[in-house]
Protein backbone atom coordinates (compact mmCIF):
# COMPACT_ATOMS: atom_id res chain seq x y z
CA MET A 1 0.00 0.00 0.00
CA LYS A 2 1.30 3.43 -0.86
CA ILE A 3 1.03 6.00 1.94
CA PRO A 4 1.10 9.67 0.87
CA ASN A 5 4.54 11.21 1.28
CA GLY A 6 3.50 13.90 3.75
CA ASN A 7 1.68 16.16 1.29
CA ALA A 8 -1.87 14.99 2.11
CA LYS A 9 -4.12 17.83 3.21
CA LYS A 10 -7.45 16.00 3.53
CA ILE A 11 -9.18 12.66 3.11
CA GLU A 12 -12.87 11.82 2.79
CA VAL A 13 -14.10 8.74 4.64
CA TYR A 14 -17.30 7.04 3.46
CA TYR A 15 -18.54 4.82 6.29
CA ASP A 16 -21.72 3.11 7.46
CA GLY A 17 -23.61 5.78 9.37
CA ARG A 18 -26.02 3.11 10.66
CA CYS A 19 -23.39 0.98 12.37
CA GLY A 20 -22.54 1.65 16.02
CA MET A 21 -19.00 0.31 15.63
CA CYS A 22 -18.37 2.48 12.56
CA CYS A 23 -19.76 5.58 14.30
CA THR A 24 -17.62 4.89 17.37
CA PHE A 25 -14.51 4.62 15.16
CA HIS A 26 -15.49 7.93 13.53
CA GLU A 27 -15.79 9.59 16.95
CA TRP A 28 -12.49 8.11 18.14
CA ILE A 29 -10.62 9.36 15.07
CA ASN A 30 -12.17 12.83 15.49
CA LYS A 31 -10.76 13.03 19.04
CA GLN A 32 -7.19 12.33 17.90
CA PRO A 33 -4.68 15.07 17.08
CA ARG A 34 -4.32 14.97 13.31
CA LYS A 35 -1.72 15.65 10.65
CA PHE A 36 -4.38 16.52 8.07
CA ALA A 37 -8.13 16.99 7.81
CA ILE A 38 -10.56 14.11 7.60
CA ASP A 39 -14.16 14.44 6.47
CA PHE A 40 -16.44 11.59 7.57
CA ILE A 41 -19.47 11.12 5.32
CA PRO A 42 -22.06 8.36 5.89
CA TYR A 43 -22.36 6.58 2.55
CA GLN A 44 -26.16 6.51 3.01
CA SER A 45 -26.41 10.31 3.17
CA GLU A 46 -27.47 12.61 0.34
CA ARG A 47 -24.15 14.37 0.66
CA ALA A 48 -22.15 11.23 -0.20
CA GLU A 49 -23.43 11.05 -3.78
CA MET A 50 -23.12 14.84 -4.18
CA VAL A 51 -19.48 14.88 -3.04
CA PHE A 52 -18.50 11.60 -4.71
CA PRO A 53 -20.80 10.74 -7.64
CA GLY A 54 -20.83 6.99 -8.18
CA ILE A 55 -19.73 6.09 -4.64
CA GLY A 56 -22.25 3.24 -4.71
CA MET A 57 -20.26 1.49 -7.43
CA LEU A 58 -17.42 1.03 -4.90
CA ASP A 59 -19.80 -0.91 -2.62
CA PRO A 60 -19.20 1.12 0.57
CA ALA A 61 -21.68 -1.13 2.42
CA ARG A 62 -19.14 -3.95 2.13
CA ALA A 63 -15.96 -2.00 2.93
CA MET A 64 -15.18 1.51 4.09
CA VAL A 65 -13.96 3.82 1.30
CA VAL A 66 -11.43 6.63 1.65
CA ARG A 67 -10.63 9.14 -1.07
CA SER A 68 -7.52 11.29 -0.72
CA ASP A 69 -7.32 14.89 -1.87
CA SER A 70 -5.14 13.64 -4.74
CA GLY A 71 -7.94 11.27 -5.86
CA VAL A 72 -6.45 7.98 -4.65
CA ILE A 73 -9.12 5.52 -3.48
CA TYR A 74 -8.53 3.18 -0.54
CA ARG A 75 -10.97 0.43 0.50
CA GLY A 76 -11.27 -1.86 3.49
CA ALA A 77 -8.05 -2.33 5.45
CA GLU A 78 -6.21 0.28 3.41
CA ALA A 79 -8.96 2.78 4.24
CA TRP A 80 -8.59 2.00 7.97
CA VAL A 81 -4.83 2.45 7.67
CA MET A 82 -5.32 5.84 5.98
CA CYS A 83 -7.59 6.94 8.85
CA LEU A 84 -4.87 5.96 11.33
CA TYR A 85 -2.28 7.73 9.17
CA SER A 86 -4.27 10.97 9.50
CA CYS A 87 -3.68 10.84 13.28
CA SER A 88 -0.45 12.41 14.50
CA ASN A 89 0.04 9.78 17.21
CA TYR A 90 -0.57 6.80 14.91
CA GLN A 91 1.34 7.62 11.73
CA SER A 92 4.20 5.26 12.57
CA VAL A 93 1.72 2.43 13.29
CA ALA A 94 -0.08 3.16 10.02
CA LYS A 95 3.20 3.04 8.09
CA LYS A 96 4.00 -0.35 9.62
CA LEU A 97 0.51 -1.68 8.86
CA ALA A 98 0.81 -0.44 5.27
CA GLY A 99 4.03 -2.39 4.72
CA PRO A 100 4.18 -5.83 3.11
CA ALA A 101 4.80 -7.61 6.42
CA LEU A 102 1.60 -6.44 8.17
CA LEU A 103 -0.83 -5.36 5.44
CA SER A 104 -2.02 -8.94 4.90
CA VAL A 105 -2.74 -9.22 8.64
CA ALA A 106 -4.62 -5.90 8.57
CA ILE A 107 -6.63 -7.09 5.56
CA ARG A 108 -7.62 -10.34 7.30
CA ALA A 109 -8.56 -8.48 10.50
CA CYS A 110 -10.58 -5.96 8.51
CA HIS A 111 -12.45 -8.74 6.67
CA VAL A 112 -13.39 -10.37 9.97
CA LEU A 113 -14.50 -7.08 11.51
CA ALA A 114 -16.43 -5.97 8.42
CA ALA A 115 -18.20 -9.31 8.06
CA ASN A 116 -19.25 -9.25 11.71
CA ARG A 117 -19.58 -5.53 12.39
CA HIS A 118 -23.33 -5.56 12.96
CA SER A 119 -23.11 -8.48 15.41
CA LEU A 120 -20.09 -6.94 17.16
CA SER A 121 -21.90 -3.62 17.27
CA LYS A 122 -24.87 -5.23 19.04
CA ILE A 123 -22.55 -6.76 21.64
CA PHE A 124 -20.08 -3.92 22.26
CA PHE A 125 -21.79 -0.75 21.03
CA ARG A 126 -25.44 -1.18 22.08
CA SER A 127 -25.87 2.40 23.26
CA LYS A 128 -24.28 3.71 20.05
CA ASP A 129 -26.57 1.49 17.95
CA LYS A 130 -29.57 2.81 19.89
CA LEU A 131 -28.50 6.39 19.22
CA VAL A 132 -27.96 5.58 15.53
CA ARG A 133 -31.43 3.96 15.29
CA GLU A 134 -33.02 7.02 16.90
CA ASN A 135 -31.40 9.24 14.28
CA LEU A 136 -32.13 7.11 11.22
CA HIS A 137 -35.08 9.27 10.30
CA VAL A 138 -32.65 11.94 9.09
CA MET A 139 -31.15 9.57 6.51
CA GLU A 140 -32.76 8.69 3.20
CA GLU A 141 -33.12 5.08 2.12
CA PRO A 142 -31.04 4.34 -0.99
CA LYS A 143 -32.94 3.88 -4.24
CA CYS A 144 -31.80 0.82 -6.18
CA ASP A 145 -32.52 1.10 -9.91
CA SER A 146 -30.06 -1.56 -11.01
CA GLU A 147 -27.43 -3.67 -9.31
CA TYR A 148 -26.09 -0.56 -7.54
CA CYS A 149 -27.86 1.56 -4.99
CA VAL A 150 -27.40 5.25 -5.52
CA VAL A 151 -28.01 7.70 -2.71
CA LYS A 152 -29.68 10.85 -3.99
């Protein structure tokens, strides 16, 4: 995985705004001192399709998507690593995770977490899931015209 060489100014993170675990990760990242800006956008929101037309084609429901200010797209484990890389205190960890020795481990861990995130969320993030459920009325359901769901 290629990590930006220090010239990143901002990344956009498209995450599941209906998942307690994902929302908790978002909040945790936002509390960290950062090297560059990070804009979290629930992939189900109207804003997601406005900011990133065609985001649905990247299947953000299956894996988190990050887009750098230079247009590079990261998915799944690489997206998680980029979020860590945005944090001042975790850049060295992110660089190690992005290397050939640990990226495969990060990918496997990310697959397990992504596949079980709703179950894990129910166990570990019940209060966050409850808060997310209470706020779902502010999100629009995606409209699926073909094999891809596009948020309008």
